[in-house]
Amino acid sequence: MQLAFERIFRMLVRGLVWPALLGWAAAVWAQAGPAAAGADYRLAAGDTIGVLVFQNPELSLDVQVSESGAISYPLIGSVLVGGQTLVQVQGRIADALRSGGYVREPQVSVALRQARGHQVSVLGQVSRPGRFVLETSSTKVSDVLAAAGGISAGGDDLLVLTGTRGGQPFRKVIDVPALFAGQSAGDDVVLAAGDTLYVGKAPQFYIYGEAQKPGPHRLERGMTVRQALATGGGPTARGSQNRLRLHRKDGQGRLSESTPAMSDVVRADDVIHVDESLFYIYGEAQKPGPHRLESGMTVRQALAAGGGPTARGSQNRLRLHRKDEQGRLSESAPDMNDVVRPDDVIHVGESLF
């Protein structure tokens, strides 16, 4: 009776405990390798795998896949593993050990230690540039871009994909916002080993002069001069949105200067200059012409900046000409305490009796 019990116990141990231990060992073994490898990852030259044969430590080793796609394994020699999944390699090694009479029932586990064969490079303006493993044979541009943390704040909306397809150089420019908006799903192409994804710097425009935030700024698509001025914080107290100058280079590098409309579209590397606010005084003034408009300047102060009336002029015969936001011109008789606005025109009339 006791012998029968011991026999049953040994059978349970062989049938349940050892397979469980083997499964545990295989899990620990697999966790030691890169977590990035998917179930259908196919080995390539440069990859390093770890082979574990249960209860055969002399057959357990780490080995690198050669340029020919093979590994050298004890007892069975060269084993072609290039293009095979880890499960297929496990079966191939186990079959060779079994058929060669080296191990009666080999329990083989294979884990990916280091992936160097199927990698792509992500460069430029991304959060985490570097090399990334193609986890599966269907890894797409969006997958790797997400793994790289996405495009950084200073990155362009366009991504350039380069590589080889069918032995020929391959290049594709991908509109990333359109891709994730579902407008160009066909651009989410499947990647191949050796591909490079590059994100350049976003185009910029420049604003200087009497702007709140002078300097370079990111150029958004379809940005108008009005939006560019707002991005620059708008004019300072001494600046005027009606006194803008646009400097632009053409395809031959020639520089042109113009007075832009607020609805004009800004191009990459455009330079917008915000001039000082001016008011104008003419007629019977000592110093007719344009003058700098100071913050909060009144008509009285503006008249003084113009030197005051001439001997023939009178401060009681002033006319103020002003344009509204729609460009409509109005004329009024200002009070001396009225505040002057940019581009106001003050006319000093003659004294009469």
Protein backbone atom coordinates (compact mmCIF):
# COMPACT_ATOMS: atom_id res chain seq x y z
CA MET A 1 0.00 0.00 0.00
CA GLN A 2 2.79 2.41 0.93
CA LEU A 3 4.72 1.57 -2.26
CA ALA A 4 1.62 2.25 -4.36
CA PHE A 5 1.14 5.60 -2.64
CA GLU A 6 4.78 6.57 -3.25
CA ARG A 7 4.45 5.58 -6.94
CA ILE A 8 1.32 7.72 -7.31
CA PHE A 9 3.04 10.62 -5.54
CA ARG A 10 6.04 10.41 -7.88
CA MET A 11 3.71 10.42 -10.87
CA LEU A 12 1.94 13.52 -9.57
CA VAL A 13 5.24 15.25 -9.02
CA ARG A 14 6.37 14.43 -12.56
CA GLY A 15 3.02 15.30 -14.12
CA LEU A 16 2.21 18.45 -12.19
CA VAL A 17 5.08 19.86 -10.19
CA TRP A 18 7.85 19.69 -12.77
CA PRO A 19 5.77 21.20 -15.58
CA ALA A 20 4.72 23.95 -13.18
CA LEU A 21 8.33 24.59 -12.22
CA LEU A 22 9.29 24.59 -15.88
CA GLY A 23 6.58 27.11 -16.65
CA TRP A 24 7.75 29.30 -13.77
CA ALA A 25 11.35 29.10 -14.93
CA ALA A 26 10.37 29.95 -18.50
CA ALA A 27 8.39 32.96 -17.27
CA VAL A 28 11.32 34.24 -15.22
CA TRP A 29 13.63 33.58 -18.17
CA ALA A 30 11.38 35.51 -20.52
CA GLN A 31 11.08 38.46 -18.14
CA ALA A 32 14.85 38.83 -18.19
CA GLY A 33 14.70 39.72 -21.90
CA PRO A 34 13.34 42.86 -23.56
CA ALA A 35 9.66 43.39 -22.87
CA ALA A 36 9.25 44.94 -26.28
CA ALA A 37 9.32 41.72 -28.29
CA GLY A 38 5.90 40.65 -29.51
CA ALA A 39 4.78 37.08 -30.12
CA ASP A 40 5.33 37.43 -33.85
CA TYR A 41 8.70 39.16 -33.59
CA ARG A 42 11.04 37.55 -36.12
CA LEU A 43 14.71 37.28 -35.35
CA ALA A 44 17.32 39.00 -37.44
CA ALA A 45 21.10 39.38 -37.56
CA GLY A 46 22.43 41.10 -34.45
CA ASP A 47 19.66 39.90 -32.11
CA THR A 48 20.71 38.07 -28.97
CA ILE A 49 18.58 35.22 -27.62
CA GLY A 50 18.73 33.17 -24.45
CA VAL A 51 18.12 29.41 -24.70
CA LEU A 52 17.11 27.43 -21.60
CA VAL A 53 16.87 23.62 -21.63
CA PHE A 54 15.31 22.38 -18.44
CA GLN A 55 17.61 20.18 -16.31
CA ASN A 56 20.38 20.64 -18.91
CA PRO A 57 22.39 23.69 -17.79
CA GLU A 58 25.20 22.83 -20.20
CA LEU A 59 22.78 23.45 -23.05
CA SER A 60 21.51 26.79 -21.66
CA LEU A 61 23.26 29.85 -23.07
CA ASP A 62 22.95 33.31 -24.61
CA VAL A 63 23.90 33.53 -28.26
CA GLN A 64 23.86 36.21 -30.96
CA VAL A 65 22.33 35.71 -34.38
CA SER A 66 25.03 35.92 -37.05
CA GLU A 67 24.89 37.89 -40.28
CA SER A 68 23.78 34.71 -42.04
CA GLY A 69 20.82 34.41 -39.64
CA ALA A 70 22.18 31.36 -37.80
CA ILE A 71 23.36 30.54 -34.28
CA SER A 72 25.94 28.00 -33.18
CA TYR A 73 24.45 25.62 -30.61
CA PRO A 74 26.11 22.84 -28.61
CA LEU A 75 25.80 19.31 -29.98
CA ILE A 76 23.57 20.22 -32.93
CA GLY A 77 25.84 22.85 -34.52
CA SER A 78 24.47 25.63 -36.75
CA VAL A 79 20.76 26.42 -36.44
CA LEU A 80 19.08 28.81 -38.86
CA VAL A 81 16.88 31.16 -36.82
CA GLY A 82 16.72 34.30 -39.00
CA GLY A 83 13.14 35.18 -39.86
CA GLN A 84 11.80 32.78 -37.22
CA THR A 85 9.68 33.61 -34.18
CA LEU A 86 10.83 32.62 -30.69
CA VAL A 87 8.28 29.82 -30.58
CA GLN A 88 9.52 28.45 -33.89
CA VAL A 89 13.13 28.53 -32.67
CA GLN A 90 12.11 26.68 -29.51
CA GLY A 91 10.55 23.94 -31.59
CA ARG A 92 13.52 23.77 -33.97
CA ILE A 93 16.06 23.35 -31.16
CA ALA A 94 13.87 20.85 -29.29
CA ASP A 95 13.39 18.74 -32.44
CA ALA A 96 17.14 18.73 -33.13
CA LEU A 97 17.97 17.66 -29.56
CA ARG A 98 15.33 14.97 -29.66
CA SER A 99 16.15 13.61 -33.12
CA GLY A 100 19.88 13.62 -32.34
CA GLY A 101 19.29 11.52 -29.21
CA TYR A 102 20.85 14.15 -26.95
CA VAL A 103 17.79 14.79 -24.78
CA ARG A 104 14.85 12.43 -24.65
CA GLU A 105 12.06 14.98 -23.99
CA PRO A 106 13.70 18.41 -24.18
CA GLN A 107 11.83 21.27 -22.52
CA VAL A 108 13.18 24.35 -24.36
CA SER A 109 12.47 28.00 -23.69
CA VAL A 110 13.82 30.84 -25.86
CA ALA A 111 13.75 34.52 -24.86
CA LEU A 112 14.87 37.64 -26.69
CA ARG A 113 17.75 39.17 -24.76
CA GLN A 114 18.63 42.07 -27.04
CA ALA A 115 16.93 43.23 -30.21
CA ARG A 116 19.22 44.82 -32.75
CA GLY A 117 18.02 43.37 -36.01
CA HIS A 118 14.54 44.88 -36.45
CA GLN A 119 14.98 48.46 -35.35
CA VAL A 120 14.05 51.88 -36.64
CA SER A 121 15.54 55.26 -35.73
CA VAL A 122 13.45 58.24 -34.61
CA LEU A 123 15.36 61.51 -34.81
CA GLY A 124 14.77 65.22 -34.47
CA GLN A 125 12.04 67.01 -32.55
CA VAL A 126 10.45 64.16 -30.60
CA SER A 127 10.24 63.66 -26.85
CA ARG A 128 12.44 60.54 -26.77
CA PRO A 129 14.64 60.21 -29.87
CA GLY A 130 16.50 56.95 -30.33
CA ARG A 131 16.26 53.43 -31.74
CA PHE A 132 13.10 51.39 -31.33
CA VAL A 133 12.36 47.71 -31.87
CA LEU A 134 9.70 46.75 -34.39
CA GLU A 135 7.65 44.68 -31.98
CA THR A 136 5.57 43.08 -34.69
CA SER A 137 5.69 42.73 -38.45
CA SER A 138 2.80 45.20 -38.69
CA THR A 139 4.28 48.05 -36.62
CA LYS A 140 3.24 51.37 -38.16
CA VAL A 141 4.47 54.96 -38.10
CA SER A 142 1.92 55.95 -35.45
CA ASP A 143 3.06 53.10 -33.17
CA VAL A 144 6.72 54.13 -33.19
CA LEU A 145 5.91 57.84 -32.94
CA ALA A 146 3.85 57.10 -29.84
CA ALA A 147 6.73 55.05 -28.38
CA ALA A 148 8.99 58.06 -28.94
CA GLY A 149 6.66 60.23 -26.87
CA GLY A 150 5.21 62.14 -29.78
CA ILE A 151 6.40 65.34 -31.40
CA SER A 152 7.90 67.91 -29.03
CA ALA A 153 6.60 71.48 -28.70
CA GLY A 154 9.16 72.78 -31.18
CA GLY A 155 8.56 70.04 -33.74
CA ASP A 156 7.11 70.35 -37.22
CA ASP A 157 3.77 68.88 -38.28
CA LEU A 158 5.54 66.97 -41.05
CA LEU A 159 7.46 63.73 -40.56
CA VAL A 160 9.94 62.43 -43.11
CA LEU A 161 10.22 58.64 -43.42
CA THR A 162 13.22 57.21 -45.26
CA GLY A 163 14.42 53.67 -45.86
CA THR A 164 14.50 51.05 -48.57
CA ARG A 165 11.68 49.10 -50.21
CA GLY A 166 12.43 46.36 -52.70
CA GLY A 167 16.09 47.35 -52.74
CA GLN A 168 15.25 50.92 -53.81
CA PRO A 169 15.54 54.13 -51.75
CA PHE A 170 12.24 55.09 -50.19
CA ARG A 171 11.13 58.52 -48.91
CA LYS A 172 7.73 59.70 -47.74
CA VAL A 173 6.56 62.96 -46.15
CA ILE A 174 3.73 62.40 -43.67
CA ASP A 175 1.32 65.04 -42.36
CA VAL A 176 1.10 64.00 -38.69
CA PRO A 177 -1.99 66.03 -37.63
CA ALA A 178 -3.87 64.79 -40.70
CA LEU A 179 -2.73 61.24 -39.92
CA PHE A 180 -4.12 61.27 -36.39
CA ALA A 181 -7.24 63.12 -37.49
CA GLY A 182 -8.00 60.19 -39.79
CA GLN A 183 -7.70 62.32 -42.91
CA SER A 184 -4.74 60.40 -44.35
CA ALA A 185 -4.87 56.90 -42.86
CA GLY A 186 -2.97 55.60 -45.88
CA ASP A 187 0.12 57.47 -44.66
CA ASP A 188 0.30 55.29 -41.54
CA VAL A 189 2.56 52.88 -43.39
CA VAL A 190 4.07 49.67 -42.03
CA LEU A 191 7.71 50.18 -41.08
CA ALA A 192 10.66 48.05 -42.11
CA ALA A 193 13.96 47.38 -40.35
CA GLY A 194 16.42 50.21 -40.89
CA ASP A 195 13.80 52.91 -41.49
CA THR A 196 14.44 56.42 -40.17
CA LEU A 197 11.73 58.79 -38.99
CA TYR A 198 12.78 62.43 -38.80
CA VAL A 199 10.85 65.39 -37.40
CA GLY A 200 12.39 68.78 -38.13
CA LYS A 201 11.87 72.06 -36.32
CA ALA A 202 8.58 73.82 -36.83
CA PRO A 203 8.66 76.81 -39.18
CA GLN A 204 8.99 80.16 -37.46
CA PHE A 205 8.26 83.81 -38.03
CA TYR A 206 9.89 86.73 -36.28
CA ILE A 207 8.40 89.85 -34.75
CA TYR A 208 10.33 92.79 -33.37
CA GLY A 209 10.03 96.48 -32.67
CA GLU A 210 7.20 97.68 -30.47
CA ALA A 211 5.77 94.20 -29.74
CA GLN A 212 5.03 92.80 -26.30
CA LYS A 213 6.89 89.52 -27.00
CA PRO A 214 9.48 90.16 -29.69
CA GLY A 215 11.52 87.29 -31.10
CA PRO A 216 10.89 84.02 -32.96
CA HIS A 217 7.50 82.30 -32.73
CA ARG A 218 6.06 79.06 -34.08
CA LEU A 219 4.25 79.52 -37.39
CA GLU A 220 0.90 77.77 -37.41
CA ARG A 221 -0.80 76.71 -40.61
CA GLY A 222 -2.66 79.51 -42.35
CA MET A 223 -1.60 82.05 -39.73
CA THR A 224 -2.51 85.61 -40.68
CA VAL A 225 -0.68 88.82 -39.81
CA ARG A 226 -3.38 89.56 -37.24
CA GLN A 227 -2.81 86.18 -35.56
CA ALA A 228 0.96 86.60 -35.72
CA LEU A 229 0.68 89.99 -34.04
CA ALA A 230 -1.49 88.42 -31.32
CA THR A 231 1.08 85.64 -30.86
CA GLY A 232 3.67 88.35 -30.29
CA GLY A 233 1.52 89.78 -27.52
CA GLY A 234 0.24 92.67 -29.62
CA PRO A 235 1.79 96.13 -29.85
CA THR A 236 3.24 97.84 -26.80
CA ALA A 237 1.77 101.08 -25.51
CA ARG A 238 4.10 102.87 -27.92
CA GLY A 239 3.41 100.54 -30.86
CA SER A 240 0.69 100.58 -33.49
CA GLN A 241 -0.88 97.71 -35.39
CA ASN A 242 -1.39 100.17 -38.22
CA ARG A 243 2.34 100.64 -38.62
CA LEU A 244 3.58 97.18 -39.56
CA ARG A 245 6.32 96.32 -42.01
CA LEU A 246 6.75 92.83 -43.47
CA HIS A 247 10.19 91.63 -44.59
CA ARG A 248 10.18 88.49 -46.76
CA LYS A 249 12.72 86.56 -48.82
CA ASP A 250 11.75 85.04 -52.15
CA GLY A 251 13.00 81.77 -53.62
CA GLN A 252 16.20 83.43 -54.80
CA GLY A 253 16.92 84.94 -51.38
CA ARG A 254 16.00 88.48 -52.42
CA LEU A 255 14.53 90.54 -49.58
CA SER A 256 11.38 92.54 -50.06
CA GLU A 257 9.56 94.93 -47.74
CA SER A 258 5.85 95.67 -47.75
CA THR A 259 2.98 96.99 -45.68
CA PRO A 260 0.86 93.91 -44.94
CA ALA A 261 -2.87 93.69 -44.51
CA MET A 262 -4.10 92.06 -41.31
CA SER A 263 -5.59 89.19 -43.31
CA ASP A 264 -2.40 88.40 -45.23
CA VAL A 265 -0.99 84.91 -44.63
CA VAL A 266 2.42 84.76 -42.93
CA ARG A 267 5.11 82.53 -44.42
CA ALA A 268 8.05 80.73 -42.83
CA ASP A 269 10.90 83.10 -41.81
CA ASP A 270 8.83 86.24 -42.38
CA VAL A 271 9.88 89.17 -40.21
CA ILE A 272 7.22 91.56 -38.94
CA HIS A 273 8.30 94.93 -37.57
CA VAL A 274 5.92 96.87 -35.34
CA ASP A 275 6.65 100.57 -35.59
CA GLU A 276 6.02 103.17 -32.93
CA SER A 277 2.61 104.77 -32.68
CA LEU A 278 2.43 108.16 -34.34
CA PHE A 279 -0.03 110.98 -34.54
CA TYR A 280 0.04 113.73 -37.10
CA ILE A 281 -0.38 117.44 -36.73
CA TYR A 282 -0.60 119.92 -39.56
CA GLY A 283 -2.00 123.31 -40.44
CA GLU A 284 -0.98 126.28 -38.30
CA ALA A 285 1.37 124.30 -36.02
CA GLN A 286 4.95 125.23 -35.21
CA LYS A 287 6.23 121.68 -35.99
CA PRO A 288 3.80 120.03 -38.40
CA GLY A 289 4.27 116.39 -39.34
CA PRO A 290 4.36 112.98 -37.58
CA HIS A 291 5.15 112.77 -33.86
CA ARG A 292 5.62 109.91 -31.41
CA LEU A 293 2.44 109.11 -29.53
CA GLU A 294 3.09 108.63 -25.84
CA SER A 295 0.84 106.51 -23.69
CA GLY A 296 -2.22 108.45 -22.50
CA MET A 297 -1.26 111.56 -24.44
CA THR A 298 -4.01 114.19 -24.54
CA VAL A 299 -4.83 116.65 -27.32
CA ARG A 300 -3.25 119.40 -25.21
CA GLN A 301 0.00 117.40 -24.94
CA ALA A 302 -0.09 116.53 -28.62
CA LEU A 303 -0.47 120.21 -29.53
CA ALA A 304 2.51 121.01 -27.30
CA ALA A 305 4.56 118.23 -28.99
CA GLY A 306 3.81 119.98 -32.29
CA GLY A 307 5.25 123.22 -30.95
CA GLY A 308 1.87 124.80 -30.35
CA PRO A 309 -0.06 127.00 -32.79
CA THR A 310 1.72 129.51 -34.97
CA ALA A 311 0.96 133.21 -34.67
CA ARG A 312 -1.81 132.67 -37.17
CA GLY A 313 -3.14 129.53 -35.53
CA SER A 314 -5.56 128.95 -32.68
CA GLN A 315 -5.89 126.08 -30.22
CA ASN A 316 -9.60 126.75 -30.25
CA ARG A 317 -9.85 125.83 -33.92
CA LEU A 318 -8.71 122.17 -33.86
CA ARG A 319 -10.13 119.38 -35.97
CA LEU A 320 -9.46 115.72 -35.20
CA HIS A 321 -9.51 113.15 -38.03
CA ARG A 322 -9.71 109.50 -36.92
CA LYS A 323 -10.23 106.13 -38.59
CA ASP A 324 -12.25 103.38 -36.93
CA GLU A 325 -11.47 99.64 -37.11
CA GLN A 326 -13.27 99.39 -40.44
CA GLY A 327 -11.19 102.21 -41.90
CA ARG A 328 -14.03 104.73 -41.91
CA LEU A 329 -12.86 108.30 -41.38
CA SER A 330 -14.57 110.63 -38.92
CA GLU A 331 -13.96 114.30 -38.10
CA SER A 332 -14.66 116.06 -34.81
CA ALA A 333 -13.76 119.10 -32.70
CA PRO A 334 -11.73 117.56 -29.86
CA ASP A 335 -11.59 118.63 -26.24
CA MET A 336 -8.12 119.45 -24.92
CA ASN A 337 -8.37 116.56 -22.46
CA ASP A 338 -9.34 113.95 -25.04
CA VAL A 339 -6.85 111.10 -25.41
CA VAL A 340 -5.10 110.86 -28.77
CA ARG A 341 -5.06 107.49 -30.52
CA PRO A 342 -2.50 106.03 -32.97
CA ASP A 343 -2.64 107.61 -36.41
CA ASP A 344 -4.92 110.44 -35.32
CA VAL A 345 -4.54 113.59 -37.38
CA ILE A 346 -4.91 116.97 -35.68
CA HIS A 347 -5.45 120.02 -37.80
CA VAL A 348 -4.75 123.46 -36.33
CA GLY A 349 -6.96 126.05 -37.99
CA GLU A 350 -6.25 129.77 -38.49
CA SER A 351 -7.31 132.34 -35.95
CA LEU A 352 -10.33 134.34 -37.13
CA PHE A 353 -12.13 137.42 -36.01
